[in-house]
Amino acid sequence: MLKLKYIIPAVLLLLGAAFYFRGLGLDENIVKVDMSVREEINVPDPEPAITYAYLPQYSHKVSYQRHNRLIEYLARETGLTIRQVFPDTFEEHRRMVENGDIDISFSNPMTYIKIAGTGAKAFARIIEPSGSPTFRGQIIARKDNRIIRKVKDCIGKSWIAVDPLSAGGYLFVLGMFLEKGITSDDFKEIAFAAGPGGKQEKAVLAVYAGKYDFASIREGTLDIVKDKVNISKLRVVAETKPYPSWVYAARKDLDPKIIELISNAMFNLSMNKQDQSEILKQAGMRGIISAKDSDYDSIRVLIEKLGLSSPPNNTGGLVK
């Protein structure tokens, strides 16, 4: 005969199992599903719209948050249906412009030079939050890094850059290194932020975490990531000279009347009107002014200096 000390735990175990399976609903009636009977659900095609894309320097969430109100304003002022689309990489952005999947491109000047080669045309550029129609690249390191204090201290160190097509996040800084006689062979490693979108944030985080010795980023990035990173622990080691600001370009063969409608609405935005100033601040700009292709000739000079017979791509060029 089983002893009482064995019977009580056994009963409790059986009761527990009963309650557990009851909680899982295993005592409910079983519904049989006939997988041979299926109904095709057609996903409706999106309504025709002007597509607007922000080069994915930040996460898609940040891209949406920064430009959604601007796009709503443009749609309201022009009467056009405008939809923001989200390429995952700089290269995908370029291909989508070339294939006609992006009508209005907002990109850095390096990417602009590349899409200009497919027939895209610059029609507007932004005034930066600083009030200048130019921007710079920056080298950052951890503040407690006692070795990297100036540009030449970067020699022999590991470098995390944003993207091979990033202007402020790579190529402006690479040009500055070359001016000081420093080539890509002088670094221990050059890596690029992985994955879709959010590349500026990832470059900052990689240095913050101590994975790389220094990073190259776009001027203004630290202010954007201040909610994610304690930027007081980072230091700006150096800045490049200024280059023309980010640019709006229309894809090849986009109706000139549409470009005129959109550009006029952009040029009418003013920091002197409260509702419009909020739109501009949210988008990270103080205004939008007209632009033409020749405004970006200094970028072409930089490309020549970097030894790139054509604008860089994601697989070639100066990556060690």
C-alpha atoms as a PDB file:
ATOM      1  CA  MET A   1       0.000   0.000   0.000  1.00  0.00           C
ATOM      2  CA  LEU A   2       1.251   3.449  -0.906  1.00  0.00           C
ATOM      3  CA  LYS A   3       2.122   5.647   1.926  1.00  0.00           C
ATOM      4  CA  LEU A   4       0.174   8.816   2.588  1.00  0.00           C
ATOM      5  CA  LYS A   5       3.243  11.016   1.893  1.00  0.00           C
ATOM      6  CA  TYR A   6       3.274   9.706  -1.711  1.00  0.00           C
ATOM      7  CA  ILE A   7      -0.483   9.863  -2.255  1.00  0.00           C
ATOM      8  CA  ILE A   8      -0.973  13.542  -1.373  1.00  0.00           C
ATOM      9  CA  PRO A   9       1.701  14.911  -3.819  1.00  0.00           C
ATOM     10  CA  ALA A  10       0.349  12.623  -6.574  1.00  0.00           C
ATOM     11  CA  VAL A  11      -3.182  13.938  -6.084  1.00  0.00           C
ATOM     12  CA  LEU A  12      -1.978  17.523  -6.075  1.00  0.00           C
ATOM     13  CA  LEU A  13       0.014  16.886  -9.273  1.00  0.00           C
ATOM     14  CA  LEU A  14      -3.038  15.452 -11.036  1.00  0.00           C
ATOM     15  CA  LEU A  15      -5.195  18.380  -9.924  1.00  0.00           C
ATOM     16  CA  GLY A  16      -2.578  20.869 -11.130  1.00  0.00           C
ATOM     17  CA  ALA A  17      -2.348  19.181 -14.525  1.00  0.00           C
ATOM     18  CA  ALA A  18      -6.133  19.268 -14.835  1.00  0.00           C
ATOM     19  CA  PHE A  19      -6.292  22.997 -14.109  1.00  0.00           C
ATOM     20  CA  TYR A  20      -3.357  23.658 -16.478  1.00  0.00           C
ATOM     21  CA  PHE A  21      -4.884  21.872 -19.466  1.00  0.00           C
ATOM     22  CA  ARG A  22      -8.265  23.405 -18.696  1.00  0.00           C
ATOM     23  CA  GLY A  23      -6.569  26.832 -18.796  1.00  0.00           C
ATOM     24  CA  LEU A  24      -5.169  25.999 -22.206  1.00  0.00           C
ATOM     25  CA  GLY A  25      -8.675  25.312 -23.379  1.00  0.00           C
ATOM     26  CA  LEU A  26      -7.907  21.713 -24.333  1.00  0.00           C
ATOM     27  CA  ASP A  27     -11.331  20.689 -23.174  1.00  0.00           C
ATOM     28  CA  GLU A  28     -12.982  22.946 -25.756  1.00  0.00           C
ATOM     29  CA  ASN A  29     -14.601  21.499 -28.845  1.00  0.00           C
ATOM     30  CA  ILE A  30     -12.127  20.929 -31.657  1.00  0.00           C
ATOM     31  CA  VAL A  31     -12.878  22.822 -34.855  1.00  0.00           C
ATOM     32  CA  LYS A  32     -11.732  21.010 -37.957  1.00  0.00           C
ATOM     33  CA  VAL A  33     -10.353  23.147 -40.783  1.00  0.00           C
ATOM     34  CA  ASP A  34     -10.524  21.901 -44.358  1.00  0.00           C
ATOM     35  CA  MET A  35      -7.268  23.224 -45.824  1.00  0.00           C
ATOM     36  CA  SER A  36      -8.350  22.156 -49.321  1.00  0.00           C
ATOM     37  CA  VAL A  37     -10.945  24.943 -49.367  1.00  0.00           C
ATOM     38  CA  ARG A  38      -9.184  28.254 -49.843  1.00  0.00           C
ATOM     39  CA  GLU A  39     -10.135  31.710 -51.004  1.00  0.00           C
ATOM     40  CA  GLU A  40      -7.650  33.963 -52.749  1.00  0.00           C
ATOM     41  CA  ILE A  41      -7.550  37.436 -51.247  1.00  0.00           C
ATOM     42  CA  ASN A  42      -6.451  40.112 -53.659  1.00  0.00           C
ATOM     43  CA  VAL A  43      -4.471  42.925 -52.113  1.00  0.00           C
ATOM     44  CA  PRO A  44      -5.722  46.116 -53.735  1.00  0.00           C
ATOM     45  CA  ASP A  45      -3.179  48.170 -55.650  1.00  0.00           C
ATOM     46  CA  PRO A  46      -2.355  51.488 -54.005  1.00  0.00           C
ATOM     47  CA  GLU A  47      -4.053  54.493 -55.528  1.00  0.00           C
ATOM     48  CA  PRO A  48      -1.930  56.384 -58.048  1.00  0.00           C
ATOM     49  CA  ALA A  49       0.197  58.911 -56.215  1.00  0.00           C
ATOM     50  CA  ILE A  50       3.337  60.959 -56.445  1.00  0.00           C
ATOM     51  CA  THR A  51       5.946  58.965 -54.544  1.00  0.00           C
ATOM     52  CA  TYR A  52       8.290  60.795 -52.185  1.00  0.00           C
ATOM     53  CA  ALA A  53      11.335  59.165 -50.622  1.00  0.00           C
ATOM     54  CA  TYR A  54      13.819  60.312 -48.016  1.00  0.00           C
ATOM     55  CA  LEU A  55      17.225  58.643 -48.408  1.00  0.00           C
ATOM     56  CA  PRO A  56      17.309  56.132 -45.501  1.00  0.00           C
ATOM     57  CA  GLN A  57      20.016  57.762 -43.416  1.00  0.00           C
ATOM     58  CA  TYR A  58      17.859  57.230 -40.306  1.00  0.00           C
ATOM     59  CA  SER A  59      15.313  54.550 -39.371  1.00  0.00           C
ATOM     60  CA  HIS A  60      12.045  54.426 -41.309  1.00  0.00           C
ATOM     61  CA  LYS A  61      10.244  55.586 -38.172  1.00  0.00           C
ATOM     62  CA  VAL A  62      12.434  58.681 -37.968  1.00  0.00           C
ATOM     63  CA  SER A  63      12.065  59.280 -41.720  1.00  0.00           C
ATOM     64  CA  TYR A  64       8.299  59.143 -41.366  1.00  0.00           C
ATOM     65  CA  GLN A  65       8.206  61.342 -38.280  1.00  0.00           C
ATOM     66  CA  ARG A  66      10.438  63.971 -39.862  1.00  0.00           C
ATOM     67  CA  HIS A  67       8.688  64.249 -43.220  1.00  0.00           C
ATOM     68  CA  ASN A  68       5.071  63.209 -42.747  1.00  0.00           C
ATOM     69  CA  ARG A  69       3.775  66.686 -41.942  1.00  0.00           C
ATOM     70  CA  LEU A  70       5.749  68.186 -44.833  1.00  0.00           C
ATOM     71  CA  ILE A  71       4.203  65.676 -47.232  1.00  0.00           C
ATOM     72  CA  GLU A  72       0.720  66.414 -45.884  1.00  0.00           C
ATOM     73  CA  TYR A  73       1.394  70.126 -46.437  1.00  0.00           C
ATOM     74  CA  LEU A  74       2.583  69.557 -50.015  1.00  0.00           C
ATOM     75  CA  ALA A  75      -0.452  67.409 -50.802  1.00  0.00           C
ATOM     76  CA  ARG A  76      -2.785  70.016 -49.355  1.00  0.00           C
ATOM     77  CA  GLU A  77      -1.155  72.920 -51.210  1.00  0.00           C
ATOM     78  CA  THR A  78      -0.809  71.194 -54.586  1.00  0.00           C
ATOM     79  CA  GLY A  79      -3.961  69.067 -54.627  1.00  0.00           C
ATOM     80  CA  LEU A  80      -1.762  66.077 -55.503  1.00  0.00           C
ATOM     81  CA  THR A  81      -1.885  62.689 -53.825  1.00  0.00           C
ATOM     82  CA  ILE A  82       1.595  62.200 -52.395  1.00  0.00           C
ATOM     83  CA  ARG A  83       2.768  58.993 -50.693  1.00  0.00           C
ATOM     84  CA  GLN A  84       6.020  58.502 -48.801  1.00  0.00           C
ATOM     85  CA  VAL A  85       7.897  55.327 -49.716  1.00  0.00           C
ATOM     86  CA  PHE A  86      10.746  53.789 -47.733  1.00  0.00           C
ATOM     87  CA  PRO A  87      13.709  52.223 -49.528  1.00  0.00           C
ATOM     88  CA  ASP A  88      15.891  50.174 -47.193  1.00  0.00           C
ATOM     89  CA  THR A  89      19.290  51.199 -48.498  1.00  0.00           C
ATOM     90  CA  PHE A  90      20.970  54.044 -50.323  1.00  0.00           C
ATOM     91  CA  GLU A  91      21.459  51.775 -53.331  1.00  0.00           C
ATOM     92  CA  GLU A  92      17.794  50.746 -53.351  1.00  0.00           C
ATOM     93  CA  HIS A  93      16.824  54.414 -53.238  1.00  0.00           C
ATOM     94  CA  ARG A  94      18.997  55.045 -56.284  1.00  0.00           C
ATOM     95  CA  ARG A  95      17.524  52.083 -58.189  1.00  0.00           C
ATOM     96  CA  MET A  96      13.957  53.137 -57.382  1.00  0.00           C
ATOM     97  CA  VAL A  97      14.576  56.610 -58.795  1.00  0.00           C
ATOM     98  CA  GLU A  98      16.122  55.081 -61.901  1.00  0.00           C
ATOM     99  CA  ASN A  99      13.153  52.695 -62.326  1.00  0.00           C
ATOM    100  CA  GLY A 100      10.593  55.444 -61.857  1.00  0.00           C
ATOM    101  CA  ASP A 101       9.334  54.110 -58.494  1.00  0.00           C
ATOM    102  CA  ILE A 102      10.362  57.316 -56.725  1.00  0.00           C
ATOM    103  CA  ASP A 103       9.089  60.566 -58.252  1.00  0.00           C
ATOM    104  CA  ILE A 104      10.554  62.993 -55.720  1.00  0.00           C
ATOM    105  CA  SER A 105      13.890  62.096 -54.157  1.00  0.00           C
ATOM    106  CA  PHE A 106      15.303  63.814 -51.078  1.00  0.00           C
ATOM    107  CA  SER A 107      18.917  62.763 -50.837  1.00  0.00           C
ATOM    108  CA  ASN A 108      22.429  63.698 -49.932  1.00  0.00           C
ATOM    109  CA  PRO A 109      24.484  65.328 -52.712  1.00  0.00           C
ATOM    110  CA  MET A 110      26.566  62.197 -53.365  1.00  0.00           C
ATOM    111  CA  THR A 111      23.477  60.136 -54.081  1.00  0.00           C
ATOM    112  CA  TYR A 112      22.114  63.003 -56.148  1.00  0.00           C
ATOM    113  CA  ILE A 113      25.159  62.924 -58.437  1.00  0.00           C
ATOM    114  CA  LYS A 114      24.511  59.221 -58.971  1.00  0.00           C
ATOM    115  CA  ILE A 115      20.786  59.558 -59.742  1.00  0.00           C
ATOM    116  CA  ALA A 116      21.519  62.594 -61.921  1.00  0.00           C
ATOM    117  CA  GLY A 117      23.340  60.132 -64.141  1.00  0.00           C
ATOM    118  CA  THR A 118      19.990  58.417 -64.751  1.00  0.00           C
ATOM    119  CA  GLY A 119      18.268  61.648 -65.771  1.00  0.00           C
ATOM    120  CA  ALA A 120      17.038  62.955 -62.393  1.00  0.00           C
ATOM    121  CA  LYS A 121      17.157  66.731 -62.041  1.00  0.00           C
ATOM    122  CA  ALA A 122      17.733  68.870 -58.956  1.00  0.00           C
ATOM    123  CA  PHE A 123      15.052  71.501 -58.367  1.00  0.00           C
ATOM    124  CA  ALA A 124      15.367  72.400 -54.668  1.00  0.00           C
ATOM    125  CA  ARG A 125      17.778  72.241 -51.748  1.00  0.00           C
ATOM    126  CA  ILE A 126      17.328  72.820 -48.055  1.00  0.00           C
ATOM    127  CA  ILE A 127      18.569  75.411 -45.616  1.00  0.00           C
ATOM    128  CA  GLU A 128      20.053  73.509 -42.704  1.00  0.00           C
ATOM    129  CA  PRO A 129      18.940  74.129 -39.080  1.00  0.00           C
ATOM    130  CA  SER A 130      22.152  76.161 -38.759  1.00  0.00           C
ATOM    131  CA  GLY A 131      20.737  78.621 -41.311  1.00  0.00           C
ATOM    132  CA  SER A 132      23.268  77.626 -43.984  1.00  0.00           C
ATOM    133  CA  PRO A 133      22.505  75.893 -47.309  1.00  0.00           C
ATOM    134  CA  THR A 134      25.556  73.697 -46.661  1.00  0.00           C
ATOM    135  CA  PHE A 135      26.488  70.918 -44.242  1.00  0.00           C
ATOM    136  CA  ARG A 136      29.574  69.041 -43.073  1.00  0.00           C
ATOM    137  CA  GLY A 137      30.764  65.601 -42.059  1.00  0.00           C
ATOM    138  CA  GLN A 138      32.056  64.938 -38.552  1.00  0.00           C
ATOM    139  CA  ILE A 139      34.478  62.511 -36.899  1.00  0.00           C
ATOM    140  CA  ILE A 140      33.321  61.422 -33.445  1.00  0.00           C
ATOM    141  CA  ALA A 141      34.961  59.315 -30.728  1.00  0.00           C
ATOM    142  CA  ARG A 142      34.204  58.490 -27.130  1.00  0.00           C
ATOM    143  CA  LYS A 143      35.168  61.314 -24.828  1.00  0.00           C
ATOM    144  CA  ASP A 144      37.118  58.884 -22.636  1.00  0.00           C
ATOM    145  CA  ASN A 145      39.199  57.806 -25.637  1.00  0.00           C
ATOM    146  CA  ARG A 146      42.501  59.494 -24.786  1.00  0.00           C
ATOM    147  CA  ILE A 147      44.228  58.455 -27.989  1.00  0.00           C
ATOM    148  CA  ILE A 148      42.041  60.086 -30.641  1.00  0.00           C
ATOM    149  CA  ARG A 149      42.282  63.854 -30.176  1.00  0.00           C
ATOM    150  CA  LYS A 150      42.887  65.054 -33.724  1.00  0.00           C
ATOM    151  CA  VAL A 151      42.535  63.793 -37.294  1.00  0.00           C
ATOM    152  CA  LYS A 152      45.942  62.090 -37.569  1.00  0.00           C
ATOM    153  CA  ASP A 153      45.234  60.140 -34.363  1.00  0.00           C
ATOM    154  CA  CYS A 154      42.734  58.112 -36.430  1.00  0.00           C
ATOM    155  CA  ILE A 155      45.573  56.391 -38.314  1.00  0.00           C
ATOM    156  CA  GLY A 156      45.695  52.687 -37.472  1.00  0.00           C
ATOM    157  CA  LYS A 157      42.286  52.770 -35.778  1.00  0.00           C
ATOM    158  CA  SER A 158      38.957  51.111 -36.639  1.00  0.00           C
ATOM    159  CA  TRP A 159      36.440  53.319 -38.454  1.00  0.00           C
ATOM    160  CA  ILE A 160      32.682  52.823 -38.659  1.00  0.00           C
ATOM    161  CA  ALA A 161      31.116  54.844 -41.474  1.00  0.00           C
ATOM    162  CA  VAL A 162      27.473  55.225 -42.442  1.00  0.00           C
ATOM    163  CA  ASP A 163      27.357  53.923 -46.011  1.00  0.00           C
ATOM    164  CA  PRO A 164      29.652  53.939 -49.059  1.00  0.00           C
ATOM    165  CA  LEU A 165      27.232  56.449 -50.622  1.00  0.00           C
ATOM    166  CA  SER A 166      26.910  58.578 -47.515  1.00  0.00           C
ATOM    167  CA  ALA A 167      28.120  62.145 -48.037  1.00  0.00           C
ATOM    168  CA  GLY A 168      28.636  63.530 -44.529  1.00  0.00           C
ATOM    169  CA  GLY A 169      28.772  60.029 -43.069  1.00  0.00           C
ATOM    170  CA  TYR A 170      31.707  58.823 -45.184  1.00  0.00           C
ATOM    171  CA  LEU A 171      32.906  60.545 -48.355  1.00  0.00           C
ATOM    172  CA  PHE A 172      33.303  64.094 -47.006  1.00  0.00           C
ATOM    173  CA  VAL A 173      35.456  62.680 -44.196  1.00  0.00           C
ATOM    174  CA  LEU A 174      37.391  60.440 -46.588  1.00  0.00           C
ATOM    175  CA  GLY A 175      38.147  63.554 -48.671  1.00  0.00           C
ATOM    176  CA  MET A 176      39.398  65.357 -45.558  1.00  0.00           C
ATOM    177  CA  PHE A 177      41.685  62.419 -44.724  1.00  0.00           C
ATOM    178  CA  LEU A 178      43.092  62.464 -48.265  1.00  0.00           C
ATOM    179  CA  GLU A 179      43.806  66.203 -48.012  1.00  0.00           C
ATOM    180  CA  LYS A 180      45.973  65.369 -44.983  1.00  0.00           C
ATOM    181  CA  GLY A 181      47.763  62.554 -46.815  1.00  0.00           C
ATOM    182  CA  ILE A 182      45.815  59.779 -45.092  1.00  0.00           C
ATOM    183  CA  THR A 183      44.459  57.001 -47.327  1.00  0.00           C
ATOM    184  CA  SER A 184      42.068  54.110 -46.696  1.00  0.00           C
ATOM    185  CA  ASP A 185      45.101  51.823 -46.273  1.00  0.00           C
ATOM    186  CA  ASP A 186      46.095  53.753 -43.153  1.00  0.00           C
ATOM    187  CA  PHE A 187      43.207  52.421 -41.066  1.00  0.00           C
ATOM    188  CA  LYS A 188      42.954  49.164 -39.171  1.00  0.00           C
ATOM    189  CA  GLU A 189      39.449  48.671 -40.563  1.00  0.00           C
ATOM    190  CA  ILE A 190      36.715  50.554 -42.395  1.00  0.00           C
ATOM    191  CA  ALA A 191      33.242  49.159 -41.764  1.00  0.00           C
ATOM    192  CA  PHE A 192      29.792  50.368 -42.748  1.00  0.00           C
ATOM    193  CA  ALA A 193      26.635  50.371 -40.655  1.00  0.00           C
ATOM    194  CA  ALA A 194      24.701  47.181 -41.400  1.00  0.00           C
ATOM    195  CA  GLY A 195      21.039  46.585 -42.145  1.00  0.00           C
ATOM    196  CA  PRO A 196      18.266  48.729 -43.575  1.00  0.00           C
ATOM    197  CA  GLY A 197      17.798  52.332 -42.484  1.00  0.00           C
ATOM    198  CA  GLY A 198      19.007  53.850 -39.244  1.00  0.00           C
ATOM    199  CA  LYS A 199      22.598  53.904 -40.424  1.00  0.00           C
ATOM    200  CA  GLN A 200      23.567  57.204 -38.823  1.00  0.00           C
ATOM    201  CA  GLU A 201      22.223  55.987 -35.472  1.00  0.00           C
ATOM    202  CA  LYS A 202      24.049  52.660 -35.828  1.00  0.00           C
ATOM    203  CA  ALA A 203      27.375  54.388 -36.522  1.00  0.00           C
ATOM    204  CA  VAL A 204      26.975  56.515 -33.387  1.00  0.00           C
ATOM    205  CA  LEU A 205      25.905  53.530 -31.270  1.00  0.00           C
ATOM    206  CA  ALA A 206      28.864  51.449 -32.482  1.00  0.00           C
ATOM    207  CA  VAL A 207      31.326  54.040 -31.192  1.00  0.00           C
ATOM    208  CA  TYR A 208      29.329  54.638 -28.027  1.00  0.00           C
ATOM    209  CA  ALA A 209      29.476  50.895 -27.303  1.00  0.00           C
ATOM    210  CA  GLY A 210      33.210  50.844 -27.915  1.00  0.00           C
ATOM    211  CA  LYS A 211      33.030  48.500 -30.910  1.00  0.00           C
ATOM    212  CA  TYR A 212      34.917  50.929 -33.152  1.00  0.00           C
ATOM    213  CA  ASP A 213      37.452  53.632 -32.336  1.00  0.00           C
ATOM    214  CA  PHE A 214      35.736  56.425 -34.267  1.00  0.00           C
ATOM    215  CA  ALA A 215      32.817  57.111 -36.590  1.00  0.00           C
ATOM    216  CA  SER A 216      32.046  59.481 -39.424  1.00  0.00           C
ATOM    217  CA  ILE A 217      28.575  60.988 -39.332  1.00  0.00           C
ATOM    218  CA  ARG A 218      26.567  63.795 -40.788  1.00  0.00           C
ATOM    219  CA  GLU A 219      26.538  67.124 -38.984  1.00  0.00           C
ATOM    220  CA  GLY A 220      23.326  67.284 -36.923  1.00  0.00           C
ATOM    221  CA  THR A 221      23.118  63.543 -36.211  1.00  0.00           C
ATOM    222  CA  LEU A 222      24.098  63.815 -32.549  1.00  0.00           C
ATOM    223  CA  ASP A 223      21.138  66.073 -31.874  1.00  0.00           C
ATOM    224  CA  ILE A 224      18.804  63.509 -33.454  1.00  0.00           C
ATOM    225  CA  VAL A 225      20.125  60.554 -31.420  1.00  0.00           C
ATOM    226  CA  LYS A 226      20.355  62.386 -28.095  1.00  0.00           C
ATOM    227  CA  ASP A 227      17.295  60.513 -26.814  1.00  0.00           C
ATOM    228  CA  LYS A 228      18.992  57.154 -27.505  1.00  0.00           C
ATOM    229  CA  VAL A 229      22.579  57.881 -26.524  1.00  0.00           C
ATOM    230  CA  ASN A 230      24.201  59.935 -23.798  1.00  0.00           C
ATOM    231  CA  ILE A 231      25.960  62.218 -26.245  1.00  0.00           C
ATOM    232  CA  SER A 232      27.885  63.894 -23.414  1.00  0.00           C
ATOM    233  CA  LYS A 233      30.113  60.791 -23.522  1.00  0.00           C
ATOM    234  CA  LEU A 234      31.035  61.508 -27.167  1.00  0.00           C
ATOM    235  CA  ARG A 235      33.327  64.127 -28.646  1.00  0.00           C
ATOM    236  CA  VAL A 236      33.474  65.693 -32.122  1.00  0.00           C
ATOM    237  CA  VAL A 237      37.117  65.231 -33.113  1.00  0.00           C
ATOM    238  CA  ALA A 238      36.980  67.143 -36.400  1.00  0.00           C
ATOM    239  CA  GLU A 239      34.617  68.523 -39.046  1.00  0.00           C
ATOM    240  CA  THR A 240      34.983  68.673 -42.804  1.00  0.00           C
ATOM    241  CA  LYS A 241      34.575  71.793 -44.897  1.00  0.00           C
ATOM    242  CA  PRO A 242      30.983  72.611 -45.897  1.00  0.00           C
ATOM    243  CA  TYR A 243      29.340  71.143 -48.983  1.00  0.00           C
ATOM    244  CA  PRO A 244      25.962  71.965 -50.619  1.00  0.00           C
ATOM    245  CA  SER A 245      23.007  70.738 -48.611  1.00  0.00           C
ATOM    246  CA  TRP A 246      20.592  67.899 -49.240  1.00  0.00           C
ATOM    247  CA  VAL A 247      18.723  68.134 -52.499  1.00  0.00           C
ATOM    248  CA  TYR A 248      15.289  67.484 -53.927  1.00  0.00           C
ATOM    249  CA  ALA A 249      15.395  65.891 -57.379  1.00  0.00           C
ATOM    250  CA  ALA A 250      12.643  64.800 -59.739  1.00  0.00           C
ATOM    251  CA  ARG A 251      12.989  61.536 -61.589  1.00  0.00           C
ATOM    252  CA  LYS A 252      13.510  61.516 -65.306  1.00  0.00           C
ATOM    253  CA  ASP A 253      10.341  62.352 -67.295  1.00  0.00           C
ATOM    254  CA  LEU A 254       8.265  63.533 -64.329  1.00  0.00           C
ATOM    255  CA  ASP A 255       5.707  66.042 -65.607  1.00  0.00           C
ATOM    256  CA  PRO A 256       7.242  69.569 -65.285  1.00  0.00           C
ATOM    257  CA  LYS A 257       3.849  70.898 -64.114  1.00  0.00           C
ATOM    258  CA  ILE A 258       4.015  68.572 -61.100  1.00  0.00           C
ATOM    259  CA  ILE A 259       7.563  69.701 -60.319  1.00  0.00           C
ATOM    260  CA  GLU A 260       6.450  73.333 -60.518  1.00  0.00           C
ATOM    261  CA  LEU A 261       3.482  72.746 -58.190  1.00  0.00           C
ATOM    262  CA  ILE A 262       5.609  70.980 -55.598  1.00  0.00           C
ATOM    263  CA  SER A 263       8.568  73.360 -55.781  1.00  0.00           C
ATOM    264  CA  ASN A 264       6.347  76.453 -55.439  1.00  0.00           C
ATOM    265  CA  ALA A 265       4.706  74.944 -52.344  1.00  0.00           C
ATOM    266  CA  MET A 266       8.165  74.172 -50.913  1.00  0.00           C
ATOM    267  CA  PHE A 267       9.486  77.676 -51.578  1.00  0.00           C
ATOM    268  CA  ASN A 268       6.460  79.236 -49.869  1.00  0.00           C
ATOM    269  CA  LEU A 269       7.274  77.540 -46.557  1.00  0.00           C
ATOM    270  CA  SER A 270       8.369  80.119 -44.012  1.00  0.00           C
ATOM    271  CA  MET A 271       9.788  80.037 -40.498  1.00  0.00           C
ATOM    272  CA  ASN A 272       7.811  83.226 -39.878  1.00  0.00           C
ATOM    273  CA  LYS A 273       4.510  81.324 -39.944  1.00  0.00           C
ATOM    274  CA  GLN A 274       4.042  79.213 -36.829  1.00  0.00           C
ATOM    275  CA  ASP A 275       2.316  76.238 -38.431  1.00  0.00           C
ATOM    276  CA  GLN A 276       4.871  76.118 -41.244  1.00  0.00           C
ATOM    277  CA  SER A 277       7.855  76.626 -38.930  1.00  0.00           C
ATOM    278  CA  GLU A 278       6.759  73.507 -37.037  1.00  0.00           C
ATOM    279  CA  ILE A 279       6.680  71.541 -40.291  1.00  0.00           C
ATOM    280  CA  LEU A 280      10.184  72.742 -41.185  1.00  0.00           C
ATOM    281  CA  LYS A 281      11.631  72.079 -37.724  1.00  0.00           C
ATOM    282  CA  GLN A 282      10.187  68.580 -37.690  1.00  0.00           C
ATOM    283  CA  ALA A 283      11.823  67.900 -41.058  1.00  0.00           C
ATOM    284  CA  GLY A 284      15.193  69.173 -39.810  1.00  0.00           C
ATOM    285  CA  MET A 285      15.416  72.246 -41.997  1.00  0.00           C
ATOM    286  CA  ARG A 286      14.857  75.993 -41.883  1.00  0.00           C
ATOM    287  CA  GLY A 287      13.629  76.408 -45.425  1.00  0.00           C
ATOM    288  CA  ILE A 288      13.722  75.130 -48.985  1.00  0.00           C
ATOM    289  CA  ILE A 289      15.256  77.128 -51.825  1.00  0.00           C
ATOM    290  CA  SER A 290      15.642  76.537 -55.547  1.00  0.00           C
ATOM    291  CA  ALA A 291      18.544  74.484 -56.855  1.00  0.00           C
ATOM    292  CA  LYS A 292      20.105  73.494 -60.129  1.00  0.00           C
ATOM    293  CA  ASP A 293      22.425  70.716 -61.149  1.00  0.00           C
ATOM    294  CA  SER A 294      25.541  72.922 -61.274  1.00  0.00           C
ATOM    295  CA  ASP A 295      25.139  73.754 -57.562  1.00  0.00           C
ATOM    296  CA  TYR A 296      26.629  70.306 -56.965  1.00  0.00           C
ATOM    297  CA  ASP A 297      29.762  70.674 -59.082  1.00  0.00           C
ATOM    298  CA  SER A 298      31.882  70.805 -55.909  1.00  0.00           C
ATOM    299  CA  ILE A 299      30.657  67.270 -55.189  1.00  0.00           C
ATOM    300  CA  ARG A 300      31.832  66.190 -58.630  1.00  0.00           C
ATOM    301  CA  VAL A 301      35.236  67.687 -57.805  1.00  0.00           C
ATOM    302  CA  LEU A 302      35.317  65.663 -54.578  1.00  0.00           C
ATOM    303  CA  ILE A 303      34.424  62.503 -56.466  1.00  0.00           C
ATOM    304  CA  GLU A 304      37.321  63.177 -58.826  1.00  0.00           C
ATOM    305  CA  LYS A 305      39.650  63.769 -55.865  1.00  0.00           C
ATOM    306  CA  LEU A 306      38.599  60.456 -54.339  1.00  0.00           C
ATOM    307  CA  GLY A 307      39.683  58.737 -57.524  1.00  0.00           C
ATOM    308  CA  LEU A 308      36.215  57.561 -58.435  1.00  0.00           C
ATOM    309  CA  SER A 309      35.708  57.703 -62.153  1.00  0.00           C
ATOM    310  CA  SER A 310      32.013  57.333 -61.440  1.00  0.00           C
ATOM    311  CA  PRO A 311      30.099  57.892 -58.193  1.00  0.00           C
ATOM    312  CA  PRO A 312      30.811  55.133 -55.634  1.00  0.00           C
ATOM    313  CA  ASN A 313      28.633  52.118 -55.156  1.00  0.00           C
ATOM    314  CA  ASN A 314      28.058  49.649 -52.366  1.00  0.00           C
ATOM    315  CA  THR A 315      30.601  47.134 -53.485  1.00  0.00           C
ATOM    316  CA  GLY A 316      33.487  48.994 -54.942  1.00  0.00           C
ATOM    317  CA  GLY A 317      35.646  51.973 -54.315  1.00  0.00           C
ATOM    318  CA  LEU A 318      37.702  52.750 -51.326  1.00  0.00           C
ATOM    319  CA  VAL A 319      36.639  50.171 -48.799  1.00  0.00           C
ATOM    320  CA  LYS A 320      39.456  48.326 -47.134  1.00  0.00           C
END
